Amino acid sequence: MVMHAAKSRKIRRTTEDKVFSLCVYALGTVFMLLAAYPILYVLAASFSDPEMIVSGQVFLLPKGLQLRAYEAVFKSEDVLIGYRNTVLYSITGTVINVVLTTVGAYALSRPDLSGRNVLTFLISFTMFFSGGMIPTYITIRNLHLLDTFWVMVLPGAVSATNLIIMRNFFQHSVSQEIIEAAWVDGCSNAGTLWRVVLPVSGSIVAVMVIFYFVGHWNAYFDAMIYLSDKNRYPLQVFLREILIQNQLGDMSGGAEAVGQSEMTLLYESLKYAVIVVATLPILLVYPFMQRYFVKGIMMGSVKG
């Protein structure tokens, strides 16, 4: 009887609590709509008649439903090359990033590593100070990485921020008793990391995969600086050309039998179609990783 009364007191909400919750939900709904509207508009515009877009008739739903923009996108050799390159850069770069970050974070998390505080300070120092664009360019040129595949994946192989987040996770969220038990059983450092630490660190590894993969997928600035061969451009560079310069190098099949004025109109819906094509993989992958995201980032960053 006493327990039931105590439970009732716990779940009883005052008028102020209800008003506060209502305000929170109302503001949350407003911010959600503000964030969702650009996505819905881009999706609707990509399927709409270009004349409807130019005249401002597209709001949430497609007007004058058509697929010409997507046909032009998937018939463009530039877009297909960019898509292939972006997938290769993203997968290869993410694998390198996650492996090096995991190994480095585990080493820095071990109290028996000599000089780990100095190493952590030097790594943290790079978060606030860097050599700058020109020294970085000269270094990459001297390493003969210019205009190669590896220039898009090696220079940023380890993020200092992600390394520290993962180190904190290993320090405060992985039981040290389990690690010591593995050592007693004769397990090496590499074996401990592979057999003991990683199996209980799925959330932080998922966070690292998201961070690095999205970073590689959206990267375009490094490509503009270090790449001159168009066949090595990632998708985001071609997307930039379409959005800023209204250019799509190869419109074979998409631009046949259309006049210049009609081609100009087609670019209006083409821009939105390319945005959808470039964003869709991230939108499809992220929901499956969401449940790991909040848990991993909070557990790796709360404690220092």
C-alpha atoms as a PDB file:
ATOM      1  CA  MET A   1       0.000   0.000   0.000  1.00  0.00           C
ATOM      2  CA  VAL A   2       2.816   2.381   0.925  1.00  0.00           C
ATOM      3  CA  MET A   3       4.784   1.441  -2.204  1.00  0.00           C
ATOM      4  CA  HIS A   4       1.736   2.071  -4.396  1.00  0.00           C
ATOM      5  CA  ALA A   5       1.243   5.522  -2.856  1.00  0.00           C
ATOM      6  CA  ALA A   6       4.921   6.352  -3.335  1.00  0.00           C
ATOM      7  CA  LYS A   7       4.734   5.280  -6.977  1.00  0.00           C
ATOM      8  CA  SER A   8       1.672   7.477  -7.515  1.00  0.00           C
ATOM      9  CA  ARG A   9       3.527  10.457  -6.074  1.00  0.00           C
ATOM     10  CA  LYS A  10       6.427   9.863  -8.422  1.00  0.00           C
ATOM     11  CA  ILE A  11       4.338   9.927 -11.591  1.00  0.00           C
ATOM     12  CA  ARG A  12       2.046  12.790 -10.520  1.00  0.00           C
ATOM     13  CA  ARG A  13       2.775  15.889 -12.571  1.00  0.00           C
ATOM     14  CA  THR A  14       2.027  19.462 -11.609  1.00  0.00           C
ATOM     15  CA  THR A  15       0.477  22.050 -13.906  1.00  0.00           C
ATOM     16  CA  GLU A  16       3.894  23.663 -14.359  1.00  0.00           C
ATOM     17  CA  ASP A  17       5.343  20.332 -15.478  1.00  0.00           C
ATOM     18  CA  LYS A  18       2.588  19.901 -18.047  1.00  0.00           C
ATOM     19  CA  VAL A  19       3.035  23.426 -19.386  1.00  0.00           C
ATOM     20  CA  PHE A  20       6.786  22.933 -19.604  1.00  0.00           C
ATOM     21  CA  SER A  21       6.383  19.617 -21.446  1.00  0.00           C
ATOM     22  CA  LEU A  22       3.899  21.212 -23.843  1.00  0.00           C
ATOM     23  CA  CYS A  23       6.353  24.018 -24.614  1.00  0.00           C
ATOM     24  CA  VAL A  24       9.169  21.538 -25.161  1.00  0.00           C
ATOM     25  CA  TYR A  25       7.087  19.449 -27.570  1.00  0.00           C
ATOM     26  CA  ALA A  26       5.872  22.565 -29.394  1.00  0.00           C
ATOM     27  CA  LEU A  27       9.397  23.930 -29.850  1.00  0.00           C
ATOM     28  CA  GLY A  28      10.662  20.481 -30.820  1.00  0.00           C
ATOM     29  CA  THR A  29       7.954  20.214 -33.470  1.00  0.00           C
ATOM     30  CA  VAL A  30       8.795  23.657 -34.852  1.00  0.00           C
ATOM     31  CA  PHE A  31      12.510  22.872 -35.081  1.00  0.00           C
ATOM     32  CA  MET A  32      11.752  19.495 -36.660  1.00  0.00           C
ATOM     33  CA  LEU A  33       9.618  21.145 -39.341  1.00  0.00           C
ATOM     34  CA  LEU A  34      12.287  23.783 -39.986  1.00  0.00           C
ATOM     35  CA  ALA A  35      14.872  21.025 -40.445  1.00  0.00           C
ATOM     36  CA  ALA A  36      12.621  18.762 -42.506  1.00  0.00           C
ATOM     37  CA  TYR A  37      11.215  21.353 -44.906  1.00  0.00           C
ATOM     38  CA  PRO A  38      14.420  21.897 -46.968  1.00  0.00           C
ATOM     39  CA  ILE A  39      14.749  18.134 -47.413  1.00  0.00           C
ATOM     40  CA  LEU A  40      11.117  17.765 -48.471  1.00  0.00           C
ATOM     41  CA  TYR A  41      11.401  20.745 -50.814  1.00  0.00           C
ATOM     42  CA  VAL A  42      14.534  19.392 -52.511  1.00  0.00           C
ATOM     43  CA  LEU A  43      12.883  15.982 -52.927  1.00  0.00           C
ATOM     44  CA  ALA A  44       9.703  17.523 -54.357  1.00  0.00           C
ATOM     45  CA  ALA A  45      11.613  19.849 -56.697  1.00  0.00           C
ATOM     46  CA  SER A  46      13.691  16.985 -58.080  1.00  0.00           C
ATOM     47  CA  PHE A  47      10.493  15.335 -59.369  1.00  0.00           C
ATOM     48  CA  SER A  48       8.788  18.551 -60.493  1.00  0.00           C
ATOM     49  CA  ASP A  49       8.450  20.291 -63.830  1.00  0.00           C
ATOM     50  CA  PRO A  50      11.249  22.913 -64.041  1.00  0.00           C
ATOM     51  CA  GLU A  51       8.746  25.592 -65.045  1.00  0.00           C
ATOM     52  CA  MET A  52       6.817  24.943 -61.833  1.00  0.00           C
ATOM     53  CA  ILE A  53      10.036  25.357 -59.825  1.00  0.00           C
ATOM     54  CA  VAL A  54      10.971  28.627 -61.518  1.00  0.00           C
ATOM     55  CA  SER A  55       7.465  30.026 -61.051  1.00  0.00           C
ATOM     56  CA  GLY A  56       7.550  29.166 -57.330  1.00  0.00           C
ATOM     57  CA  GLN A  57       4.646  26.708 -57.396  1.00  0.00           C
ATOM     58  CA  VAL A  58       6.528  23.874 -55.690  1.00  0.00           C
ATOM     59  CA  PHE A  59       6.075  23.813 -51.927  1.00  0.00           C
ATOM     60  CA  LEU A  60       5.915  20.324 -50.397  1.00  0.00           C
ATOM     61  CA  LEU A  61       4.599  18.076 -53.149  1.00  0.00           C
ATOM     62  CA  PRO A  62       5.928  17.656 -56.715  1.00  0.00           C
ATOM     63  CA  LYS A  63       4.151  19.658 -59.415  1.00  0.00           C
ATOM     64  CA  GLY A  64       4.105  18.361 -62.958  1.00  0.00           C
ATOM     65  CA  LEU A  65       5.643  15.011 -61.985  1.00  0.00           C
ATOM     66  CA  GLN A  66       8.533  14.028 -64.246  1.00  0.00           C
ATOM     67  CA  LEU A  67      11.777  11.993 -64.100  1.00  0.00           C
ATOM     68  CA  ARG A  68      13.852  13.787 -66.732  1.00  0.00           C
ATOM     69  CA  ALA A  69      16.242  15.205 -64.154  1.00  0.00           C
ATOM     70  CA  TYR A  70      17.057  11.747 -62.766  1.00  0.00           C
ATOM     71  CA  GLU A  71      17.436  10.361 -66.277  1.00  0.00           C
ATOM     72  CA  ALA A  72      19.968  13.093 -67.047  1.00  0.00           C
ATOM     73  CA  VAL A  73      21.827  12.462 -63.785  1.00  0.00           C
ATOM     74  CA  PHE A  74      22.216   8.725 -64.286  1.00  0.00           C
ATOM     75  CA  LYS A  75      23.175   9.172 -67.936  1.00  0.00           C
ATOM     76  CA  SER A  76      25.906  11.637 -67.050  1.00  0.00           C
ATOM     77  CA  GLU A  77      29.369  10.108 -67.113  1.00  0.00           C
ATOM     78  CA  ASP A  78      30.660  12.764 -64.715  1.00  0.00           C
ATOM     79  CA  VAL A  79      28.113  11.889 -62.033  1.00  0.00           C
ATOM     80  CA  LEU A  80      28.796   8.161 -62.346  1.00  0.00           C
ATOM     81  CA  ILE A  81      32.560   8.740 -62.104  1.00  0.00           C
ATOM     82  CA  GLY A  82      32.061  10.998 -59.103  1.00  0.00           C
ATOM     83  CA  TYR A  83      29.798   8.460 -57.425  1.00  0.00           C
ATOM     84  CA  ARG A  84      32.318   5.675 -57.942  1.00  0.00           C
ATOM     85  CA  ASN A  85      35.178   7.774 -56.608  1.00  0.00           C
ATOM     86  CA  THR A  86      33.211   8.955 -53.576  1.00  0.00           C
ATOM     87  CA  VAL A  87      32.252   5.394 -52.636  1.00  0.00           C
ATOM     88  CA  LEU A  88      35.875   4.251 -52.932  1.00  0.00           C
ATOM     89  CA  TYR A  89      37.214   7.234 -50.981  1.00  0.00           C
ATOM     90  CA  SER A  90      34.590   6.854 -48.271  1.00  0.00           C
ATOM     91  CA  ILE A  91      34.974   3.110 -47.718  1.00  0.00           C
ATOM     92  CA  THR A  92      38.780   3.027 -47.935  1.00  0.00           C
ATOM     93  CA  GLY A  93      39.209   6.178 -45.877  1.00  0.00           C
ATOM     94  CA  THR A  94      36.775   5.048 -43.183  1.00  0.00           C
ATOM     95  CA  VAL A  95      38.526   1.696 -42.781  1.00  0.00           C
ATOM     96  CA  ILE A  96      41.909   3.416 -42.414  1.00  0.00           C
ATOM     97  CA  ASN A  97      40.471   6.029 -40.037  1.00  0.00           C
ATOM     98  CA  VAL A  98      38.711   3.563 -37.748  1.00  0.00           C
ATOM     99  CA  VAL A  99      41.670   1.147 -37.561  1.00  0.00           C
ATOM    100  CA  LEU A 100      44.240   3.841 -36.770  1.00  0.00           C
ATOM    101  CA  THR A 101      41.949   5.691 -34.356  1.00  0.00           C
ATOM    102  CA  THR A 102      41.086   2.496 -32.488  1.00  0.00           C
ATOM    103  CA  VAL A 103      44.700   1.384 -32.151  1.00  0.00           C
ATOM    104  CA  GLY A 104      45.883   4.855 -31.109  1.00  0.00           C
ATOM    105  CA  ALA A 105      43.031   5.382 -28.641  1.00  0.00           C
ATOM    106  CA  TYR A 106      43.592   2.007 -26.988  1.00  0.00           C
ATOM    107  CA  ALA A 107      47.308   2.707 -26.598  1.00  0.00           C
ATOM    108  CA  LEU A 108      46.647   6.134 -25.042  1.00  0.00           C
ATOM    109  CA  SER A 109      44.069   4.639 -22.691  1.00  0.00           C
ATOM    110  CA  ARG A 110      46.569   2.243 -21.121  1.00  0.00           C
ATOM    111  CA  PRO A 111      48.042   3.567 -17.833  1.00  0.00           C
ATOM    112  CA  ASP A 112      51.225   1.548 -18.421  1.00  0.00           C
ATOM    113  CA  LEU A 113      52.113   3.462 -21.623  1.00  0.00           C
ATOM    114  CA  SER A 114      55.162   5.618 -20.910  1.00  0.00           C
ATOM    115  CA  GLY A 115      54.707   9.271 -21.847  1.00  0.00           C
ATOM    116  CA  ARG A 116      51.039   8.929 -22.721  1.00  0.00           C
ATOM    117  CA  ASN A 117      50.220  12.323 -21.175  1.00  0.00           C
ATOM    118  CA  VAL A 118      52.805  14.014 -23.389  1.00  0.00           C
ATOM    119  CA  LEU A 119      51.468  12.222 -26.451  1.00  0.00           C
ATOM    120  CA  THR A 120      47.911  13.214 -25.555  1.00  0.00           C
ATOM    121  CA  PHE A 121      48.996  16.848 -25.172  1.00  0.00           C
ATOM    122  CA  LEU A 122      50.739  16.848 -28.562  1.00  0.00           C
ATOM    123  CA  ILE A 123      47.682  15.335 -30.228  1.00  0.00           C
ATOM    124  CA  SER A 124      45.373  17.827 -28.513  1.00  0.00           C
ATOM    125  CA  PHE A 125      47.664  20.673 -29.584  1.00  0.00           C
ATOM    126  CA  THR A 126      46.852  19.961 -33.248  1.00  0.00           C
ATOM    127  CA  MET A 127      43.175  20.677 -32.549  1.00  0.00           C
ATOM    128  CA  PHE A 128      43.989  24.358 -31.939  1.00  0.00           C
ATOM    129  CA  PHE A 129      47.036  25.001 -34.116  1.00  0.00           C
ATOM    130  CA  SER A 130      47.971  23.772 -37.576  1.00  0.00           C
ATOM    131  CA  GLY A 131      50.611  24.539 -40.154  1.00  0.00           C
ATOM    132  CA  GLY A 132      48.140  26.100 -42.563  1.00  0.00           C
ATOM    133  CA  MET A 133      47.081  25.362 -46.117  1.00  0.00           C
ATOM    134  CA  ILE A 134      50.323  26.214 -47.919  1.00  0.00           C
ATOM    135  CA  PRO A 135      52.693  24.160 -45.706  1.00  0.00           C
ATOM    136  CA  THR A 136      50.216  21.275 -45.907  1.00  0.00           C
ATOM    137  CA  TYR A 137      50.137  21.516 -49.702  1.00  0.00           C
ATOM    138  CA  ILE A 138      53.956  21.579 -49.876  1.00  0.00           C
ATOM    139  CA  THR A 139      54.164  18.540 -47.591  1.00  0.00           C
ATOM    140  CA  ILE A 140      51.690  16.582 -49.697  1.00  0.00           C
ATOM    141  CA  ARG A 141      53.520  17.574 -52.875  1.00  0.00           C
ATOM    142  CA  ASN A 142      56.861  16.436 -51.424  1.00  0.00           C
ATOM    143  CA  LEU A 143      55.255  13.106 -50.496  1.00  0.00           C
ATOM    144  CA  HIS A 144      54.191  12.727 -54.165  1.00  0.00           C
ATOM    145  CA  LEU A 145      50.533  12.400 -53.211  1.00  0.00           C
ATOM    146  CA  LEU A 146      49.193  15.118 -55.487  1.00  0.00           C
ATOM    147  CA  ASP A 147      46.590  13.918 -57.965  1.00  0.00           C
ATOM    148  CA  THR A 148      46.521  10.384 -56.542  1.00  0.00           C
ATOM    149  CA  PHE A 149      43.861   8.268 -54.897  1.00  0.00           C
ATOM    150  CA  TRP A 150      45.646   8.355 -51.535  1.00  0.00           C
ATOM    151  CA  VAL A 151      45.624  12.127 -51.224  1.00  0.00           C
ATOM    152  CA  MET A 152      41.923  11.864 -50.369  1.00  0.00           C
ATOM    153  CA  VAL A 153      42.325   9.308 -47.578  1.00  0.00           C
ATOM    154  CA  LEU A 154      45.777   9.584 -45.978  1.00  0.00           C
ATOM    155  CA  PRO A 155      46.241  13.264 -44.926  1.00  0.00           C
ATOM    156  CA  GLY A 156      43.284  13.066 -42.531  1.00  0.00           C
ATOM    157  CA  ALA A 157      43.843   9.482 -41.460  1.00  0.00           C
ATOM    158  CA  VAL A 158      43.294  10.280 -37.761  1.00  0.00           C
ATOM    159  CA  SER A 159      41.085  12.969 -36.237  1.00  0.00           C
ATOM    160  CA  ALA A 160      42.437  14.270 -32.909  1.00  0.00           C
ATOM    161  CA  THR A 161      38.907  14.875 -31.620  1.00  0.00           C
ATOM    162  CA  ASN A 162      37.730  11.363 -32.457  1.00  0.00           C
ATOM    163  CA  LEU A 163      40.912   9.875 -31.013  1.00  0.00           C
ATOM    164  CA  ILE A 164      40.355  11.574 -27.659  1.00  0.00           C
ATOM    165  CA  ILE A 165      36.667  10.616 -27.585  1.00  0.00           C
ATOM    166  CA  MET A 166      37.548   6.977 -28.210  1.00  0.00           C
ATOM    167  CA  ARG A 167      40.379   7.059 -25.664  1.00  0.00           C
ATOM    168  CA  ASN A 168      37.955   8.340 -23.017  1.00  0.00           C
ATOM    169  CA  PHE A 169      35.536   5.557 -23.867  1.00  0.00           C
ATOM    170  CA  PHE A 170      38.222   2.907 -23.408  1.00  0.00           C
ATOM    171  CA  GLN A 171      39.343   4.477 -20.133  1.00  0.00           C
ATOM    172  CA  HIS A 172      35.958   4.883 -18.465  1.00  0.00           C
ATOM    173  CA  SER A 173      33.544   2.470 -20.136  1.00  0.00           C
ATOM    174  CA  VAL A 174      35.603  -0.713 -20.550  1.00  0.00           C
ATOM    175  CA  SER A 175      36.120  -2.703 -17.371  1.00  0.00           C
ATOM    176  CA  GLN A 176      39.783  -2.711 -16.395  1.00  0.00           C
ATOM    177  CA  GLU A 177      39.244  -5.945 -14.481  1.00  0.00           C
ATOM    178  CA  ILE A 178      38.378  -7.733 -17.721  1.00  0.00           C
ATOM    179  CA  ILE A 179      41.541  -6.417 -19.363  1.00  0.00           C
ATOM    180  CA  GLU A 180      43.665  -7.504 -16.404  1.00  0.00           C
ATOM    181  CA  ALA A 181      42.044 -10.936 -16.486  1.00  0.00           C
ATOM    182  CA  ALA A 182      42.977 -11.227 -20.168  1.00  0.00           C
ATOM    183  CA  TRP A 183      46.589 -10.382 -19.333  1.00  0.00           C
ATOM    184  CA  VAL A 184      46.641 -13.003 -16.588  1.00  0.00           C
ATOM    185  CA  ASP A 185      45.494 -15.549 -19.177  1.00  0.00           C
ATOM    186  CA  GLY A 186      48.483 -14.600 -21.324  1.00  0.00           C
ATOM    187  CA  CYS A 187      46.702 -12.384 -23.854  1.00  0.00           C
ATOM    188  CA  SER A 188      48.895  -9.813 -25.645  1.00  0.00           C
ATOM    189  CA  ASN A 189      47.931  -6.145 -26.051  1.00  0.00           C
ATOM    190  CA  ALA A 190      46.782  -6.781 -29.610  1.00  0.00           C
ATOM    191  CA  GLY A 191      44.838  -9.855 -28.527  1.00  0.00           C
ATOM    192  CA  THR A 192      43.247  -7.946 -25.648  1.00  0.00           C
ATOM    193  CA  LEU A 193      42.125  -5.190 -27.991  1.00  0.00           C
ATOM    194  CA  TRP A 194      40.725  -7.622 -30.552  1.00  0.00           C
ATOM    195  CA  ARG A 195      39.160 -10.241 -28.251  1.00  0.00           C
ATOM    196  CA  VAL A 196      38.171  -8.246 -25.167  1.00  0.00           C
ATOM    197  CA  VAL A 197      37.892  -4.510 -25.809  1.00  0.00           C
ATOM    198  CA  LEU A 198      36.337  -4.316 -29.284  1.00  0.00           C
ATOM    199  CA  PRO A 199      33.467  -6.760 -28.585  1.00  0.00           C
ATOM    200  CA  VAL A 200      32.172  -4.400 -25.857  1.00  0.00           C
ATOM    201  CA  SER A 201      32.901  -1.199 -27.804  1.00  0.00           C
ATOM    202  CA  GLY A 202      30.429  -1.514 -30.650  1.00  0.00           C
ATOM    203  CA  SER A 203      28.738   1.811 -29.877  1.00  0.00           C
ATOM    204  CA  ILE A 204      31.882   3.951 -30.047  1.00  0.00           C
ATOM    205  CA  VAL A 205      33.113   2.140 -33.170  1.00  0.00           C
ATOM    206  CA  ALA A 206      29.753   2.867 -34.817  1.00  0.00           C
ATOM    207  CA  VAL A 207      30.120   6.544 -33.895  1.00  0.00           C
ATOM    208  CA  MET A 208      33.574   6.638 -35.471  1.00  0.00           C
ATOM    209  CA  VAL A 209      32.261   4.979 -38.623  1.00  0.00           C
ATOM    210  CA  ILE A 210      29.500   7.594 -38.909  1.00  0.00           C
ATOM    211  CA  PHE A 211      31.826  10.535 -38.296  1.00  0.00           C
ATOM    212  CA  TYR A 212      34.500   9.417 -40.720  1.00  0.00           C
ATOM    213  CA  PHE A 213      32.205   8.092 -43.439  1.00  0.00           C
ATOM    214  CA  VAL A 214      30.092  11.260 -43.540  1.00  0.00           C
ATOM    215  CA  GLY A 215      33.261  13.354 -43.567  1.00  0.00           C
ATOM    216  CA  HIS A 216      34.653  11.483 -46.566  1.00  0.00           C
ATOM    217  CA  TRP A 217      31.303  11.456 -48.364  1.00  0.00           C
ATOM    218  CA  ASN A 218      30.912  15.237 -48.100  1.00  0.00           C
ATOM    219  CA  ALA A 219      34.570  16.111 -48.753  1.00  0.00           C
ATOM    220  CA  TYR A 220      35.178  18.391 -51.715  1.00  0.00           C
ATOM    221  CA  PHE A 221      37.654  21.099 -50.669  1.00  0.00           C
ATOM    222  CA  ASP A 222      40.699  18.811 -50.555  1.00  0.00           C
ATOM    223  CA  ALA A 223      39.777  17.466 -53.984  1.00  0.00           C
ATOM    224  CA  MET A 224      39.668  20.999 -55.395  1.00  0.00           C
ATOM    225  CA  ILE A 225      43.154  21.699 -54.014  1.00  0.00           C
ATOM    226  CA  TYR A 226      44.988  18.422 -54.570  1.00  0.00           C
ATOM    227  CA  LEU A 227      43.316  16.880 -57.632  1.00  0.00           C
ATOM    228  CA  SER A 228      43.587  18.060 -61.227  1.00  0.00           C
ATOM    229  CA  ASP A 229      42.506  14.862 -62.973  1.00  0.00           C
ATOM    230  CA  LYS A 230      38.739  15.047 -63.455  1.00  0.00           C
ATOM    231  CA  ASN A 231      38.500  11.261 -63.412  1.00  0.00           C
ATOM    232  CA  ARG A 232      39.509  11.341 -59.723  1.00  0.00           C
ATOM    233  CA  TYR A 233      36.986  13.979 -58.635  1.00  0.00           C
ATOM    234  CA  PRO A 234      34.499  12.936 -55.927  1.00  0.00           C
ATOM    235  CA  LEU A 235      30.782  13.427 -56.424  1.00  0.00           C
ATOM    236  CA  GLN A 236      30.661  16.585 -54.312  1.00  0.00           C
ATOM    237  CA  VAL A 237      32.930  18.459 -56.755  1.00  0.00           C
ATOM    238  CA  PHE A 238      30.593  17.671 -59.645  1.00  0.00           C
ATOM    239  CA  LEU A 239      27.674  18.672 -57.442  1.00  0.00           C
ATOM    240  CA  ARG A 240      29.375  22.006 -56.787  1.00  0.00           C
ATOM    241  CA  GLU A 241      29.804  22.597 -60.531  1.00  0.00           C
ATOM    242  CA  ILE A 242      26.133  21.946 -61.092  1.00  0.00           C
ATOM    243  CA  LEU A 243      24.938  24.140 -58.233  1.00  0.00           C
ATOM    244  CA  ILE A 244      27.303  27.066 -58.813  1.00  0.00           C
ATOM    245  CA  GLN A 245      28.238  26.942 -62.474  1.00  0.00           C
ATOM    246  CA  ASN A 246      25.226  25.122 -63.965  1.00  0.00           C
ATOM    247  CA  GLN A 247      27.553  22.669 -65.658  1.00  0.00           C
ATOM    248  CA  LEU A 248      27.280  18.952 -66.175  1.00  0.00           C
ATOM    249  CA  GLY A 249      30.123  17.784 -68.341  1.00  0.00           C
ATOM    250  CA  ASP A 250      28.433  14.872 -70.112  1.00  0.00           C
ATOM    251  CA  MET A 251      24.689  14.996 -70.550  1.00  0.00           C
ATOM    252  CA  SER A 252      24.630  12.312 -73.210  1.00  0.00           C
ATOM    253  CA  GLY A 253      21.129  11.084 -73.599  1.00  0.00           C
ATOM    254  CA  GLY A 254      19.737  13.693 -71.235  1.00  0.00           C
ATOM    255  CA  ALA A 255      20.227  16.736 -73.417  1.00  0.00           C
ATOM    256  CA  GLU A 256      19.455  15.275 -76.817  1.00  0.00           C
ATOM    257  CA  ALA A 257      16.786  16.955 -78.878  1.00  0.00           C
ATOM    258  CA  VAL A 258      16.273  19.836 -76.454  1.00  0.00           C
ATOM    259  CA  GLY A 259      16.952  23.509 -77.007  1.00  0.00           C
ATOM    260  CA  GLN A 260      19.136  25.788 -74.934  1.00  0.00           C
ATOM    261  CA  SER A 261      16.197  27.382 -73.135  1.00  0.00           C
ATOM    262  CA  GLU A 262      14.746  23.981 -72.273  1.00  0.00           C
ATOM    263  CA  MET A 263      18.171  22.817 -71.108  1.00  0.00           C
ATOM    264  CA  THR A 264      18.408  25.835 -68.806  1.00  0.00           C
ATOM    265  CA  LEU A 265      15.039  24.931 -67.303  1.00  0.00           C
ATOM    266  CA  LEU A 266      16.101  21.316 -66.907  1.00  0.00           C
ATOM    267  CA  TYR A 267      19.053  22.422 -64.791  1.00  0.00           C
ATOM    268  CA  GLU A 268      16.619  23.801 -62.230  1.00  0.00           C
ATOM    269  CA  SER A 269      15.310  20.326 -61.391  1.00  0.00           C
ATOM    270  CA  LEU A 270      18.670  18.712 -62.194  1.00  0.00           C
ATOM    271  CA  LYS A 271      20.330  20.521 -59.267  1.00  0.00           C
ATOM    272  CA  TYR A 272      17.843  19.066 -56.818  1.00  0.00           C
ATOM    273  CA  ALA A 273      18.058  15.586 -58.326  1.00  0.00           C
ATOM    274  CA  VAL A 274      21.838  15.521 -57.870  1.00  0.00           C
ATOM    275  CA  ILE A 275      21.451  16.658 -54.244  1.00  0.00           C
ATOM    276  CA  VAL A 276      19.031  13.780 -53.604  1.00  0.00           C
ATOM    277  CA  VAL A 277      21.330  11.248 -55.281  1.00  0.00           C
ATOM    278  CA  ALA A 278      24.338  12.522 -53.311  1.00  0.00           C
ATOM    279  CA  THR A 279      22.523  12.558 -49.959  1.00  0.00           C
ATOM    280  CA  LEU A 280      20.468   9.361 -50.200  1.00  0.00           C
ATOM    281  CA  PRO A 281      23.170   6.883 -49.044  1.00  0.00           C
ATOM    282  CA  ILE A 282      23.763   8.843 -45.830  1.00  0.00           C
ATOM    283  CA  LEU A 283      20.024   9.103 -45.162  1.00  0.00           C
ATOM    284  CA  LEU A 284      19.672   5.339 -45.628  1.00  0.00           C
ATOM    285  CA  VAL A 285      22.629   4.364 -43.427  1.00  0.00           C
ATOM    286  CA  TYR A 286      22.186   6.818 -40.559  1.00  0.00           C
ATOM    287  CA  PRO A 287      18.895   5.442 -39.092  1.00  0.00           C
ATOM    288  CA  PHE A 288      20.505   2.038 -38.577  1.00  0.00           C
ATOM    289  CA  MET A 289      23.410   3.634 -36.690  1.00  0.00           C
ATOM    290  CA  GLN A 290      21.337   6.100 -34.659  1.00  0.00           C
ATOM    291  CA  ARG A 291      20.888   3.816 -31.650  1.00  0.00           C
ATOM    292  CA  TYR A 292      24.667   3.608 -31.228  1.00  0.00           C
ATOM    293  CA  PHE A 293      25.309   7.276 -31.918  1.00  0.00           C
ATOM    294  CA  VAL A 294      24.051   9.020 -28.773  1.00  0.00           C
ATOM    295  CA  LYS A 295      25.272   6.285 -26.433  1.00  0.00           C
ATOM    296  CA  GLY A 296      28.759   6.148 -27.904  1.00  0.00           C
ATOM    297  CA  ILE A 297      29.385   9.876 -28.160  1.00  0.00           C
ATOM    298  CA  MET A 298      28.137  10.595 -24.625  1.00  0.00           C
ATOM    299  CA  MET A 299      30.079   7.748 -23.007  1.00  0.00           C
ATOM    300  CA  GLY A 300      33.221   8.833 -24.815  1.00  0.00           C
ATOM    301  CA  SER A 301      33.048  12.536 -24.028  1.00  0.00           C
ATOM    302  CA  VAL A 302      31.500  13.078 -20.584  1.00  0.00           C
ATOM    303  CA  LYS A 303      34.616  12.188 -18.611  1.00  0.00           C
ATOM    304  CA  GLY A 304      38.017  13.624 -19.397  1.00  0.00           C
END
